[in-house]
């Protein structure tokens, strides 16, 4: 069995960013020479999430507003996790919300543009 692995790195300068990774993901099988198989696209940062939906700025805005309403960043002191010196407890919760909607199929629509929502702490990795 033939396999291939490729890492994609992104630097998102804001607390939340949406990156369309469709072309990079589509290029992986072509670069590897593999013609049939399965691609696993997995965010390796705990506060990052992959979702499949339309790559449209209004939708990105709606996602960001919706998630911020469910798990607001401020006040950071309301989260017990932030008592460890971190300030990104909300990012962990937002990532989990994205994960759950993906697993239940609420945000997954076949053959739509793939995008990555990266919630992170400013200055973090």
PDB file of N, CA and C in Angstrom:
ATOM      1  N   UNK A   1       0.839  -1.165   0.000  1.00  0.00           N
ATOM      2  CA  UNK A   1       0.000   0.000   0.000  1.00  0.00           C
ATOM      3  C   UNK A   1       0.891   1.238   0.000  1.00  0.00           C
ATOM      4  N   UNK A   2       0.574   2.173  -0.854  1.00  0.00           N
ATOM      5  CA  UNK A   2       1.319   3.418  -0.961  1.00  0.00           C
ATOM      6  C   UNK A   2       0.677   4.469  -0.065  1.00  0.00           C
ATOM      7  N   UNK A   3       1.509   5.265   0.593  1.00  0.00           N
ATOM      8  CA  UNK A   3       0.984   6.337   1.434  1.00  0.00           C
ATOM      9  C   UNK A   3       1.826   7.591   1.235  1.00  0.00           C
ATOM     10  N   UNK A   4       1.264   8.697   1.643  1.00  0.00           N
ATOM     11  CA  UNK A   4       1.947   9.976   1.516  1.00  0.00           C
ATOM     12  C   UNK A   4       1.493  10.869   2.657  1.00  0.00           C
ATOM     13  N   UNK A   5       2.352  11.800   3.023  1.00  0.00           N
ATOM     14  CA  UNK A   5       2.021  12.738   4.103  1.00  0.00           C
ATOM     15  C   UNK A   5       2.545  14.117   3.727  1.00  0.00           C
ATOM     16  N   UNK A   6       1.742  15.122   3.970  1.00  0.00           N
ATOM     17  CA  UNK A   6       2.168  16.495   3.726  1.00  0.00           C
ATOM     18  C   UNK A   6       1.612  17.375   4.833  1.00  0.00           C
ATOM     19  N   UNK A   7       2.451  18.256   5.348  1.00  0.00           N
ATOM     20  CA  UNK A   7       2.019  19.206   6.372  1.00  0.00           C
ATOM     21  C   UNK A   7       1.853  20.570   5.742  1.00  0.00           C
ATOM     22  N   UNK A   8       0.773  21.236   6.097  1.00  0.00           N
ATOM     23  CA  UNK A   8       0.510  22.607   5.665  1.00  0.00           C
ATOM     24  C   UNK A   8       0.538  23.489   6.908  1.00  0.00           C
ATOM     25  N   UNK A   9       1.290  24.567   6.856  1.00  0.00           N
ATOM     26  CA  UNK A   9       1.414  25.471   7.994  1.00  0.00           C
ATOM     27  C   UNK A   9       0.805  26.816   7.627  1.00  0.00           C
ATOM     28  N   UNK A  10       0.081  27.414   8.577  1.00  0.00           N
ATOM     29  CA  UNK A  10      -0.561  28.698   8.353  1.00  0.00           C
ATOM     30  C   UNK A  10      -0.274  29.619   9.525  1.00  0.00           C
ATOM     31  N   UNK A  11      -0.015  30.875   9.225  1.00  0.00           N
ATOM     32  CA  UNK A  11       0.134  31.900  10.258  1.00  0.00           C
ATOM     33  C   UNK A  11      -1.067  32.827  10.136  1.00  0.00           C
ATOM     34  N   UNK A  12      -1.946  32.777  11.113  1.00  0.00           N
ATOM     35  CA  UNK A  12      -3.151  33.591  11.115  1.00  0.00           C
ATOM     36  C   UNK A  12      -2.894  34.767  12.064  1.00  0.00           C
ATOM     37  N   UNK A  13      -2.875  36.011  11.550  1.00  0.00           N
ATOM     38  CA  UNK A  13      -2.492  37.155  12.373  1.00  0.00           C
ATOM     39  C   UNK A  13      -3.568  37.646  13.332  1.00  0.00           C
ATOM     40  N   UNK A  14      -4.772  37.101  13.285  1.00  0.00           N
ATOM     41  CA  UNK A  14      -5.865  37.542  14.147  1.00  0.00           C
ATOM     42  C   UNK A  14      -6.341  36.381  14.999  1.00  0.00           C
ATOM     43  N   UNK A  15      -7.213  36.674  15.953  1.00  0.00           N
ATOM     44  CA  UNK A  15      -7.728  35.611  16.826  1.00  0.00           C
ATOM     45  C   UNK A  15      -8.478  34.544  16.049  1.00  0.00           C
ATOM     46  N   UNK A  16      -9.142  34.928  14.986  1.00  0.00           N
ATOM     47  CA  UNK A  16      -9.877  33.975  14.168  1.00  0.00           C
ATOM     48  C   UNK A  16      -9.596  34.268  12.708  1.00  0.00           C
ATOM     49  N   UNK A  17      -9.394  33.218  11.939  1.00  0.00           N
ATOM     50  CA  UNK A  17      -9.184  33.401  10.511  1.00  0.00           C
ATOM     51  C   UNK A  17      -9.716  32.205   9.752  1.00  0.00           C
ATOM     52  N   UNK A  18     -10.132  32.443   8.531  1.00  0.00           N
ATOM     53  CA  UNK A  18     -10.636  31.393   7.661  1.00  0.00           C
ATOM     54  C   UNK A  18      -9.692  31.273   6.480  1.00  0.00           C
ATOM     55  N   UNK A  19      -9.184  30.074   6.250  1.00  0.00           N
ATOM     56  CA  UNK A  19      -8.235  29.840   5.169  1.00  0.00           C
ATOM     57  C   UNK A  19      -8.797  28.755   4.271  1.00  0.00           C
ATOM     58  N   UNK A  20      -8.963  29.068   3.008  1.00  0.00           N
ATOM     59  CA  UNK A  20      -9.429  28.078   2.044  1.00  0.00           C
ATOM     60  C   UNK A  20      -8.230  27.209   1.661  1.00  0.00           C
ATOM     61  N   UNK A  21      -8.305  25.930   1.983  1.00  0.00           N
ATOM     62  CA  UNK A  21      -7.191  25.020   1.722  1.00  0.00           C
ATOM     63  C   UNK A  21      -7.504  24.035   0.596  1.00  0.00           C
ATOM     64  N   UNK A  22      -8.543  24.316  -0.175  1.00  0.00           N
ATOM     65  CA  UNK A  22      -8.967  23.401  -1.236  1.00  0.00           C
ATOM     66  C   UNK A  22      -7.836  23.065  -2.194  1.00  0.00           C
ATOM     67  N   UNK A  23      -7.181  24.087  -2.739  1.00  0.00           N
ATOM     68  CA  UNK A  23      -6.141  23.838  -3.744  1.00  0.00           C
ATOM     69  C   UNK A  23      -4.966  23.048  -3.178  1.00  0.00           C
ATOM     70  N   UNK A  24      -4.570  23.350  -1.939  1.00  0.00           N
ATOM     71  CA  UNK A  24      -3.468  22.617  -1.317  1.00  0.00           C
ATOM     72  C   UNK A  24      -3.835  21.148  -1.097  1.00  0.00           C
ATOM     73  N   UNK A  25      -5.080  20.894  -0.674  1.00  0.00           N
ATOM     74  CA  UNK A  25      -5.511  19.516  -0.438  1.00  0.00           C
ATOM     75  C   UNK A  25      -5.625  18.770  -1.766  1.00  0.00           C
ATOM     76  N   UNK A  26      -6.180  19.426  -2.782  1.00  0.00           N
ATOM     77  CA  UNK A  26      -6.308  18.785  -4.086  1.00  0.00           C
ATOM     78  C   UNK A  26      -4.951  18.473  -4.710  1.00  0.00           C
ATOM     79  N   UNK A  27      -3.934  19.271  -4.396  1.00  0.00           N
ATOM     80  CA  UNK A  27      -2.605  19.058  -4.970  1.00  0.00           C
ATOM     81  C   UNK A  27      -1.884  17.856  -4.353  1.00  0.00           C
ATOM     82  N   UNK A  28      -2.221  17.482  -3.144  1.00  0.00           N
ATOM     83  CA  UNK A  28      -1.507  16.406  -2.444  1.00  0.00           C
ATOM     84  C   UNK A  28      -1.496  15.078  -3.204  1.00  0.00           C
ATOM     85  N   UNK A  29      -2.627  14.564  -3.670  1.00  0.00           N
ATOM     86  CA  UNK A  29      -2.568  13.293  -4.408  1.00  0.00           C
ATOM     87  C   UNK A  29      -1.773  13.417  -5.712  1.00  0.00           C
ATOM     88  N   UNK A  30      -1.899  14.548  -6.375  1.00  0.00           N
ATOM     89  CA  UNK A  30      -1.161  14.747  -7.620  1.00  0.00           C
ATOM     90  C   UNK A  30       0.348  14.732  -7.362  1.00  0.00           C
ATOM     91  N   UNK A  31       0.777  15.399  -6.300  1.00  0.00           N
ATOM     92  CA  UNK A  31       2.200  15.436  -5.947  1.00  0.00           C
ATOM     93  C   UNK A  31       2.722  14.067  -5.538  1.00  0.00           C
ATOM     94  N   UNK A  32       1.881  13.261  -4.903  1.00  0.00           N
ATOM     95  CA  UNK A  32       2.314  11.954  -4.396  1.00  0.00           C
ATOM     96  C   UNK A  32       2.299  10.871  -5.464  1.00  0.00           C
ATOM     97  N   UNK A  33       1.521  11.094  -6.521  1.00  0.00           N
ATOM     98  CA  UNK A  33       1.378  10.068  -7.546  1.00  0.00           C
ATOM     99  C   UNK A  33       0.336   9.018  -7.207  1.00  0.00           C
ATOM    100  N   UNK A  34      -0.331   9.173  -6.079  1.00  0.00           N
ATOM    101  CA  UNK A  34      -1.376   8.236  -5.685  1.00  0.00           C
ATOM    102  C   UNK A  34      -2.648   8.576  -6.464  1.00  0.00           C
ATOM    103  N   UNK A  35      -3.254   7.543  -7.069  1.00  0.00           N
ATOM    104  CA  UNK A  35      -4.439   7.779  -7.884  1.00  0.00           C
ATOM    105  C   UNK A  35      -5.744   7.452  -7.173  1.00  0.00           C
ATOM    106  N   UNK A  36      -5.742   6.503  -6.260  1.00  0.00           N
ATOM    107  CA  UNK A  36      -6.943   6.116  -5.524  1.00  0.00           C
ATOM    108  C   UNK A  36      -6.623   6.074  -4.041  1.00  0.00           C
ATOM    109  N   UNK A  37      -7.590   6.486  -3.232  1.00  0.00           N
ATOM    110  CA  UNK A  37      -7.384   6.406  -1.794  1.00  0.00           C
ATOM    111  C   UNK A  37      -8.261   7.377  -1.040  1.00  0.00           C
ATOM    112  N   UNK A  38      -7.880   7.605   0.188  1.00  0.00           N
ATOM    113  CA  UNK A  38      -8.604   8.478   1.098  1.00  0.00           C
ATOM    114  C   UNK A  38      -7.633   9.535   1.605  1.00  0.00           C
ATOM    115  N   UNK A  39      -8.107  10.771   1.684  1.00  0.00           N
ATOM    116  CA  UNK A  39      -7.298  11.858   2.246  1.00  0.00           C
ATOM    117  C   UNK A  39      -7.821  12.198   3.635  1.00  0.00           C
ATOM    118  N   UNK A  40      -6.945  12.216   4.600  1.00  0.00           N
ATOM    119  CA  UNK A  40      -7.277  12.641   5.957  1.00  0.00           C
ATOM    120  C   UNK A  40      -6.735  14.053   6.120  1.00  0.00           C
ATOM    121  N   UNK A  41      -7.618  14.984   6.363  1.00  0.00           N
ATOM    122  CA  UNK A  41      -7.226  16.378   6.605  1.00  0.00           C
ATOM    123  C   UNK A  41      -7.519  16.651   8.062  1.00  0.00           C
ATOM    124  N   UNK A  42      -6.461  16.851   8.843  1.00  0.00           N
ATOM    125  CA  UNK A  42      -6.593  16.943  10.279  1.00  0.00           C
ATOM    126  C   UNK A  42      -5.831  18.153  10.812  1.00  0.00           C
ATOM    127  N   UNK A  43      -6.505  19.062  11.510  1.00  0.00           N
ATOM    128  CA  UNK A  43      -5.770  20.180  12.111  1.00  0.00           C
ATOM    129  C   UNK A  43      -4.965  19.676  13.304  1.00  0.00           C
ATOM    130  N   UNK A  44      -3.702  20.005  13.345  1.00  0.00           N
ATOM    131  CA  UNK A  44      -2.836  19.493  14.404  1.00  0.00           C
ATOM    132  C   UNK A  44      -2.730  20.427  15.605  1.00  0.00           C
ATOM    133  N   UNK A  45      -3.424  21.538  15.580  1.00  0.00           N
ATOM    134  CA  UNK A  45      -3.461  22.413  16.749  1.00  0.00           C
ATOM    135  C   UNK A  45      -4.802  22.217  17.431  1.00  0.00           C
ATOM    136  N   UNK A  46      -4.813  22.147  18.730  1.00  0.00           N
ATOM    137  CA  UNK A  46      -6.021  21.810  19.478  1.00  0.00           C
ATOM    138  C   UNK A  46      -7.124  22.836  19.305  1.00  0.00           C
ATOM    139  N   UNK A  47      -6.796  24.085  18.977  1.00  0.00           N
ATOM    140  CA  UNK A  47      -7.840  25.091  18.803  1.00  0.00           C
ATOM    141  C   UNK A  47      -8.134  25.383  17.339  1.00  0.00           C
ATOM    142  N   UNK A  48      -7.707  24.509  16.438  1.00  0.00           N
ATOM    143  CA  UNK A  48      -8.008  24.663  15.007  1.00  0.00           C
ATOM    144  C   UNK A  48      -9.097  23.675  14.619  1.00  0.00           C
ATOM    145  N   UNK A  49      -9.830  24.005  13.579  1.00  0.00           N
ATOM    146  CA  UNK A  49     -10.905  23.138  13.126  1.00  0.00           C
ATOM    147  C   UNK A  49     -10.991  23.187  11.616  1.00  0.00           C
ATOM    148  N   UNK A  50     -11.356  22.071  11.023  1.00  0.00           N
ATOM    149  CA  UNK A  50     -11.590  21.972   9.581  1.00  0.00           C
ATOM    150  C   UNK A  50     -13.093  21.842   9.376  1.00  0.00           C
ATOM    151  N   UNK A  51     -13.630  22.613   8.447  1.00  0.00           N
ATOM    152  CA  UNK A  51     -15.034  22.410   8.102  1.00  0.00           C
ATOM    153  C   UNK A  51     -15.217  22.521   6.599  1.00  0.00           C
ATOM    154  N   UNK A  52     -16.295  21.943   6.123  1.00  0.00           N
ATOM    155  CA  UNK A  52     -16.590  21.938   4.695  1.00  0.00           C
ATOM    156  C   UNK A  52     -17.848  22.775   4.481  1.00  0.00           C
ATOM    157  N   UNK A  53     -17.715  23.829   3.715  1.00  0.00           N
ATOM    158  CA  UNK A  53     -18.847  24.689   3.414  1.00  0.00           C
ATOM    159  C   UNK A  53     -18.423  25.655   2.323  1.00  0.00           C
ATOM    160  N   UNK A  54     -19.290  26.555   1.963  1.00  0.00           N
ATOM    161  CA  UNK A  54     -18.973  27.524   0.923  1.00  0.00           C
ATOM    162  C   UNK A  54     -17.923  28.509   1.411  1.00  0.00           C
ATOM    163  N   UNK A  55     -17.035  28.909   0.517  1.00  0.00           N
ATOM    164  CA  UNK A  55     -15.996  29.886   0.843  1.00  0.00           C
ATOM    165  C   UNK A  55     -16.538  31.273   0.506  1.00  0.00           C
ATOM    166  N   UNK A  56     -17.350  31.804   1.411  1.00  0.00           N
ATOM    167  CA  UNK A  56     -18.031  33.061   1.167  1.00  0.00           C
ATOM    168  C   UNK A  56     -17.868  33.946   2.390  1.00  0.00           C
ATOM    169  N   UNK A  57     -17.461  35.197   2.187  1.00  0.00           N
ATOM    170  CA  UNK A  57     -17.118  36.083   3.304  1.00  0.00           C
ATOM    171  C   UNK A  57     -18.285  36.321   4.256  1.00  0.00           C
ATOM    172  N   UNK A  58     -19.501  36.414   3.736  1.00  0.00           N
ATOM    173  CA  UNK A  58     -20.655  36.592   4.615  1.00  0.00           C
ATOM    174  C   UNK A  58     -20.863  35.399   5.521  1.00  0.00           C
ATOM    175  N   UNK A  59     -20.654  34.209   4.996  1.00  0.00           N
ATOM    176  CA  UNK A  59     -20.775  32.998   5.799  1.00  0.00           C
ATOM    177  C   UNK A  59     -19.675  32.943   6.855  1.00  0.00           C
ATOM    178  N   UNK A  60     -18.467  33.326   6.488  1.00  0.00           N
ATOM    179  CA  UNK A  60     -17.368  33.371   7.464  1.00  0.00           C
ATOM    180  C   UNK A  60     -17.722  34.324   8.604  1.00  0.00           C
ATOM    181  N   UNK A  61     -18.257  35.485   8.258  1.00  0.00           N
ATOM    182  CA  UNK A  61     -18.658  36.461   9.277  1.00  0.00           C
ATOM    183  C   UNK A  61     -19.732  35.860  10.193  1.00  0.00           C
ATOM    184  N   UNK A  62     -20.722  35.190   9.578  1.00  0.00           N
ATOM    185  CA  UNK A  62     -21.788  34.578  10.367  1.00  0.00           C
ATOM    186  C   UNK A  62     -21.250  33.500  11.292  1.00  0.00           C
ATOM    187  N   UNK A  63     -20.315  32.665  10.809  1.00  0.00           N
ATOM    188  CA  UNK A  63     -19.688  31.646  11.670  1.00  0.00           C
ATOM    189  C   UNK A  63     -18.979  32.309  12.851  1.00  0.00           C
ATOM    190  N   UNK A  64     -18.202  33.329  12.560  1.00  0.00           N
ATOM    191  CA  UNK A  64     -17.447  33.991  13.622  1.00  0.00           C
ATOM    192  C   UNK A  64     -18.377  34.618  14.662  1.00  0.00           C
ATOM    193  N   UNK A  65     -19.420  35.301  14.207  1.00  0.00           N
ATOM    194  CA  UNK A  65     -20.385  35.917  15.130  1.00  0.00           C
ATOM    195  C   UNK A  65     -21.123  34.850  15.946  1.00  0.00           C
ATOM    196  N   UNK A  66     -21.534  33.768  15.294  1.00  0.00           N
ATOM    197  CA  UNK A  66     -22.262  32.700  15.971  1.00  0.00           C
ATOM    198  C   UNK A  66     -21.401  32.066  17.056  1.00  0.00           C
ATOM    199  N   UNK A  67     -20.162  31.726  16.705  1.00  0.00           N
ATOM    200  CA  UNK A  67     -19.271  31.093  17.675  1.00  0.00           C
ATOM    201  C   UNK A  67     -18.910  32.052  18.802  1.00  0.00           C
ATOM    202  N   UNK A  68     -18.704  33.325  18.478  1.00  0.00           N
ATOM    203  CA  UNK A  68     -18.385  34.314  19.519  1.00  0.00           C
ATOM    204  C   UNK A  68     -19.567  34.475  20.471  1.00  0.00           C
ATOM    205  N   UNK A  69     -20.796  34.364  19.953  1.00  0.00           N
ATOM    206  CA  UNK A  69     -21.974  34.431  20.810  1.00  0.00           C
ATOM    207  C   UNK A  69     -22.086  33.235  21.744  1.00  0.00           C
ATOM    208  N   UNK A  70     -21.674  32.068  21.263  1.00  0.00           N
ATOM    209  CA  UNK A  70     -21.728  30.859  22.085  1.00  0.00           C
ATOM    210  C   UNK A  70     -20.605  30.801  23.115  1.00  0.00           C
ATOM    211  N   UNK A  71     -19.425  31.260  22.742  1.00  0.00           N
ATOM    212  CA  UNK A  71     -18.262  31.212  23.632  1.00  0.00           C
ATOM    213  C   UNK A  71     -17.463  32.505  23.463  1.00  0.00           C
ATOM    214  N   UNK A  72     -17.922  33.599  24.065  1.00  0.00           N
ATOM    215  CA  UNK A  72     -17.237  34.882  23.885  1.00  0.00           C
ATOM    216  C   UNK A  72     -15.836  34.885  24.499  1.00  0.00           C
ATOM    217  N   UNK A  73     -14.928  35.587  23.834  1.00  0.00           N
ATOM    218  CA  UNK A  73     -13.557  35.689  24.346  1.00  0.00           C
ATOM    219  C   UNK A  73     -13.520  36.465  25.664  1.00  0.00           C
ATOM    220  N   UNK A  74     -14.217  37.573  25.718  1.00  0.00           N
ATOM    221  CA  UNK A  74     -14.241  38.433  26.907  1.00  0.00           C
ATOM    222  C   UNK A  74     -15.485  38.135  27.742  1.00  0.00           C
ATOM    223  N   UNK A  75     -15.412  38.204  29.029  1.00  0.00           N
ATOM    224  CA  UNK A  75     -14.209  38.430  29.827  1.00  0.00           C
ATOM    225  C   UNK A  75     -13.424  37.126  30.005  1.00  0.00           C
ATOM    226  N   UNK A  76     -12.124  37.211  29.825  1.00  0.00           N
ATOM    227  CA  UNK A  76     -11.295  36.003  29.896  1.00  0.00           C
ATOM    228  C   UNK A  76     -11.325  35.379  31.284  1.00  0.00           C
ATOM    229  N   UNK A  77     -11.590  36.189  32.315  1.00  0.00           N
ATOM    230  CA  UNK A  77     -11.622  35.684  33.689  1.00  0.00           C
ATOM    231  C   UNK A  77     -12.792  34.771  34.003  1.00  0.00           C
ATOM    232  N   UNK A  78     -13.786  34.708  33.125  1.00  0.00           N
ATOM    233  CA  UNK A  78     -14.933  33.847  33.408  1.00  0.00           C
ATOM    234  C   UNK A  78     -14.643  32.369  33.183  1.00  0.00           C
ATOM    235  N   UNK A  79     -13.540  32.069  32.492  1.00  0.00           N
ATOM    236  CA  UNK A  79     -13.183  30.684  32.184  1.00  0.00           C
ATOM    237  C   UNK A  79     -12.138  30.160  33.171  1.00  0.00           C
ATOM    238  N   UNK A  80     -12.409  29.044  33.781  1.00  0.00           N
ATOM    239  CA  UNK A  80     -11.472  28.447  34.727  1.00  0.00           C
ATOM    240  C   UNK A  80     -10.153  28.094  34.062  1.00  0.00           C
ATOM    241  N   UNK A  81     -10.215  27.636  32.817  1.00  0.00           N
ATOM    242  CA  UNK A  81      -8.996  27.262  32.092  1.00  0.00           C
ATOM    243  C   UNK A  81      -8.012  28.425  32.034  1.00  0.00           C
ATOM    244  N   UNK A  82      -8.517  29.635  31.903  1.00  0.00           N
ATOM    245  CA  UNK A  82      -7.642  30.801  31.795  1.00  0.00           C
ATOM    246  C   UNK A  82      -6.911  31.111  33.102  1.00  0.00           C
ATOM    247  N   UNK A  83      -7.309  30.496  34.199  1.00  0.00           N
ATOM    248  CA  UNK A  83      -6.610  30.700  35.476  1.00  0.00           C
ATOM    249  C   UNK A  83      -5.220  30.076  35.461  1.00  0.00           C
ATOM    250  N   UNK A  84      -4.918  29.281  34.439  1.00  0.00           N
ATOM    251  CA  UNK A  84      -3.599  28.667  34.306  1.00  0.00           C
ATOM    252  C   UNK A  84      -2.597  29.622  33.658  1.00  0.00           C
ATOM    253  N   UNK A  85      -3.066  30.831  33.282  1.00  0.00           N
ATOM    254  CA  UNK A  85      -2.203  31.775  32.604  1.00  0.00           C
ATOM    255  C   UNK A  85      -2.518  31.899  31.119  1.00  0.00           C
ATOM    256  N   UNK A  86      -3.362  31.019  30.620  1.00  0.00           N
ATOM    257  CA  UNK A  86      -3.792  31.091  29.225  1.00  0.00           C
ATOM    258  C   UNK A  86      -4.899  32.134  29.088  1.00  0.00           C
ATOM    259  N   UNK A  87      -5.201  32.516  27.848  1.00  0.00           N
ATOM    260  CA  UNK A  87      -6.342  33.415  27.622  1.00  0.00           C
ATOM    261  C   UNK A  87      -7.193  32.937  26.450  1.00  0.00           C
ATOM    262  N   UNK A  88      -7.106  31.646  26.139  1.00  0.00           N
ATOM    263  CA  UNK A  88      -7.797  31.142  24.953  1.00  0.00           C
ATOM    264  C   UNK A  88      -8.787  30.015  25.246  1.00  0.00           C
ATOM    265  N   UNK A  89      -9.390  30.020  26.419  1.00  0.00           N
ATOM    266  CA  UNK A  89     -10.391  28.991  26.731  1.00  0.00           C
ATOM    267  C   UNK A  89     -11.523  29.020  25.722  1.00  0.00           C
ATOM    268  N   UNK A  90     -11.897  30.216  25.299  1.00  0.00           N
ATOM    269  CA  UNK A  90     -12.974  30.325  24.314  1.00  0.00           C
ATOM    270  C   UNK A  90     -12.617  29.619  23.011  1.00  0.00           C
ATOM    271  N   UNK A  91     -11.354  29.660  22.619  1.00  0.00           N
ATOM    272  CA  UNK A  91     -10.921  29.001  21.381  1.00  0.00           C
ATOM    273  C   UNK A  91     -11.084  27.489  21.481  1.00  0.00           C
ATOM    274  N   UNK A  92     -10.817  26.932  22.648  1.00  0.00           N
ATOM    275  CA  UNK A  92     -11.003  25.494  22.849  1.00  0.00           C
ATOM    276  C   UNK A  92     -12.486  25.126  22.713  1.00  0.00           C
ATOM    277  N   UNK A  93     -13.344  25.946  23.284  1.00  0.00           N
ATOM    278  CA  UNK A  93     -14.780  25.684  23.199  1.00  0.00           C
ATOM    279  C   UNK A  93     -15.290  25.847  21.768  1.00  0.00           C
ATOM    280  N   UNK A  94     -14.821  26.873  21.078  1.00  0.00           N
ATOM    281  CA  UNK A  94     -15.241  27.109  19.692  1.00  0.00           C
ATOM    282  C   UNK A  94     -14.805  25.961  18.793  1.00  0.00           C
ATOM    283  N   UNK A  95     -13.624  25.466  19.006  1.00  0.00           N
ATOM    284  CA  UNK A  95     -13.136  24.337  18.217  1.00  0.00           C
ATOM    285  C   UNK A  95     -14.002  23.113  18.451  1.00  0.00           C
ATOM    286  N   UNK A  96     -14.409  22.902  19.698  1.00  0.00           N
ATOM    287  CA  UNK A  96     -15.252  21.764  20.017  1.00  0.00           C
ATOM    288  C   UNK A  96     -16.624  21.899  19.369  1.00  0.00           C
ATOM    289  N   UNK A  97     -17.171  23.108  19.337  1.00  0.00           N
ATOM    290  CA  UNK A  97     -18.455  23.344  18.676  1.00  0.00           C
ATOM    291  C   UNK A  97     -18.332  23.017  17.196  1.00  0.00           C
ATOM    292  N   UNK A  98     -17.270  23.455  16.549  1.00  0.00           N
ATOM    293  CA  UNK A  98     -17.044  23.141  15.132  1.00  0.00           C
ATOM    294  C   UNK A  98     -16.909  21.639  14.932  1.00  0.00           C
ATOM    295  N   UNK A  99     -16.194  20.980  15.824  1.00  0.00           N
ATOM    296  CA  UNK A  99     -16.015  19.528  15.729  1.00  0.00           C
ATOM    297  C   UNK A  99     -17.354  18.811  15.829  1.00  0.00           C
ATOM    298  N   UNK A 100     -18.169  19.211  16.785  1.00  0.00           N
ATOM    299  CA  UNK A 100     -19.458  18.551  16.982  1.00  0.00           C
ATOM    300  C   UNK A 100     -20.384  18.765  15.797  1.00  0.00           C
ATOM    301  N   UNK A 101     -20.410  19.970  15.228  1.00  0.00           N
ATOM    302  CA  UNK A 101     -21.280  20.202  14.079  1.00  0.00           C
ATOM    303  C   UNK A 101     -20.791  19.413  12.875  1.00  0.00           C
ATOM    304  N   UNK A 102     -19.479  19.259  12.749  1.00  0.00           N
ATOM    305  CA  UNK A 102     -18.928  18.471  11.639  1.00  0.00           C
ATOM    306  C   UNK A 102     -19.296  17.003  11.808  1.00  0.00           C
ATOM    307  N   UNK A 103     -19.188  16.492  13.019  1.00  0.00           N
ATOM    308  CA  UNK A 103     -19.478  15.084  13.272  1.00  0.00           C
ATOM    309  C   UNK A 103     -20.954  14.763  13.069  1.00  0.00           C
ATOM    310  N   UNK A 104     -21.832  15.708  13.371  1.00  0.00           N
ATOM    311  CA  UNK A 104     -23.257  15.451  13.220  1.00  0.00           C
ATOM    312  C   UNK A 104     -23.751  15.813  11.826  1.00  0.00           C
ATOM    313  N   UNK A 105     -22.883  16.398  11.016  1.00  0.00           N
ATOM    314  CA  UNK A 105     -23.249  16.718   9.648  1.00  0.00           C
ATOM    315  C   UNK A 105     -23.971  18.035   9.487  1.00  0.00           C
ATOM    316  N   UNK A 106     -24.060  18.836  10.534  1.00  0.00           N
ATOM    317  CA  UNK A 106     -24.788  20.091  10.421  1.00  0.00           C
ATOM    318  C   UNK A 106     -24.096  21.089   9.499  1.00  0.00           C
ATOM    319  N   UNK A 107     -22.769  21.055   9.410  1.00  0.00           N
ATOM    320  CA  UNK A 107     -22.080  22.014   8.558  1.00  0.00           C
ATOM    321  C   UNK A 107     -21.419  21.347   7.352  1.00  0.00           C
ATOM    322  N   UNK A 108     -21.562  20.052   7.200  1.00  0.00           N
ATOM    323  CA  UNK A 108     -20.887  19.346   6.108  1.00  0.00           C
ATOM    324  C   UNK A 108     -21.815  19.233   4.903  1.00  0.00           C
ATOM    325  N   UNK A 109     -21.369  19.760   3.780  1.00  0.00           N
ATOM    326  CA  UNK A 109     -22.110  19.639   2.532  1.00  0.00           C
ATOM    327  C   UNK A 109     -21.133  19.160   1.479  1.00  0.00           C
ATOM    328  N   UNK A 110     -21.463  18.025   0.833  1.00  0.00           N
ATOM    329  CA  UNK A 110     -20.551  17.391  -0.127  1.00  0.00           C
ATOM    330  C   UNK A 110     -20.210  18.338  -1.267  1.00  0.00           C
ATOM    331  N   UNK A 111     -18.993  18.225  -1.731  1.00  0.00           N
ATOM    332  CA  UNK A 111     -18.456  18.939  -2.885  1.00  0.00           C
ATOM    333  C   UNK A 111     -18.470  20.449  -2.714  1.00  0.00           C
ATOM    334  N   UNK A 112     -18.484  20.945  -1.511  1.00  0.00           N
ATOM    335  CA  UNK A 112     -18.368  22.377  -1.281  1.00  0.00           C
ATOM    336  C   UNK A 112     -16.903  22.699  -0.996  1.00  0.00           C
ATOM    337  N   UNK A 113     -16.609  23.953  -0.944  1.00  0.00           N
ATOM    338  CA  UNK A 113     -15.245  24.403  -0.715  1.00  0.00           C
ATOM    339  C   UNK A 113     -14.821  24.074   0.709  1.00  0.00           C
ATOM    340  N   UNK A 114     -13.603  23.604   0.851  1.00  0.00           N
ATOM    341  CA  UNK A 114     -13.062  23.288   2.165  1.00  0.00           C
ATOM    342  C   UNK A 114     -12.391  24.542   2.728  1.00  0.00           C
ATOM    343  N   UNK A 115     -12.606  24.773   3.985  1.00  0.00           N
ATOM    344  CA  UNK A 115     -11.975  25.922   4.629  1.00  0.00           C
ATOM    345  C   UNK A 115     -11.563  25.520   6.033  1.00  0.00           C
ATOM    346  N   UNK A 116     -10.572  26.164   6.538  1.00  0.00           N
ATOM    347  CA  UNK A 116     -10.119  25.893   7.892  1.00  0.00           C
ATOM    348  C   UNK A 116     -10.395  27.111   8.752  1.00  0.00           C
ATOM    349  N   UNK A 117     -11.003  26.886   9.870  1.00  0.00           N
ATOM    350  CA  UNK A 117     -11.217  27.957  10.830  1.00  0.00           C
ATOM    351  C   UNK A 117     -10.190  27.761  11.933  1.00  0.00           C
ATOM    352  N   UNK A 118      -9.314  28.702  12.069  1.00  0.00           N
ATOM    353  CA  UNK A 118      -8.247  28.570  13.036  1.00  0.00           C
ATOM    354  C   UNK A 118      -8.468  29.577  14.168  1.00  0.00           C
ATOM    355  N   UNK A 119      -8.851  29.074  15.300  1.00  0.00           N
ATOM    356  CA  UNK A 119      -9.000  29.926  16.483  1.00  0.00           C
ATOM    357  C   UNK A 119      -7.695  29.798  17.250  1.00  0.00           C
ATOM    358  N   UNK A 120      -7.108  30.886  17.557  1.00  0.00           N
ATOM    359  CA  UNK A 120      -5.847  30.794  18.275  1.00  0.00           C
ATOM    360  C   UNK A 120      -5.640  32.014  19.153  1.00  0.00           C
ATOM    361  N   UNK A 121      -4.671  31.920  20.010  1.00  0.00           N
ATOM    362  CA  UNK A 121      -4.300  33.023  20.860  1.00  0.00           C
ATOM    363  C   UNK A 121      -3.341  33.929  20.103  1.00  0.00           C
ATOM    364  N   UNK A 122      -3.541  35.223  20.181  1.00  0.00           N
ATOM    365  CA  UNK A 122      -2.611  36.139  19.521  1.00  0.00           C
ATOM    366  C   UNK A 122      -1.202  35.888  20.030  1.00  0.00           C
ATOM    367  N   UNK A 123      -0.266  35.780  19.134  1.00  0.00           N
ATOM    368  CA  UNK A 123       1.118  35.512  19.500  1.00  0.00           C
ATOM    369  C   UNK A 123       1.410  34.037  19.707  1.00  0.00           C
ATOM    370  N   UNK A 124       0.405  33.181  19.677  1.00  0.00           N
ATOM    371  CA  UNK A 124       0.615  31.738  19.866  1.00  0.00           C
ATOM    372  C   UNK A 124       0.827  31.034  18.545  1.00  0.00           C
ATOM    373  N   UNK A 125       1.005  29.741  18.628  1.00  0.00           N
ATOM    374  CA  UNK A 125       1.194  28.921  17.412  1.00  0.00           C
ATOM    375  C   UNK A 125      -0.128  28.359  16.973  1.00  0.00           C
TER     376      UNK A 125
END
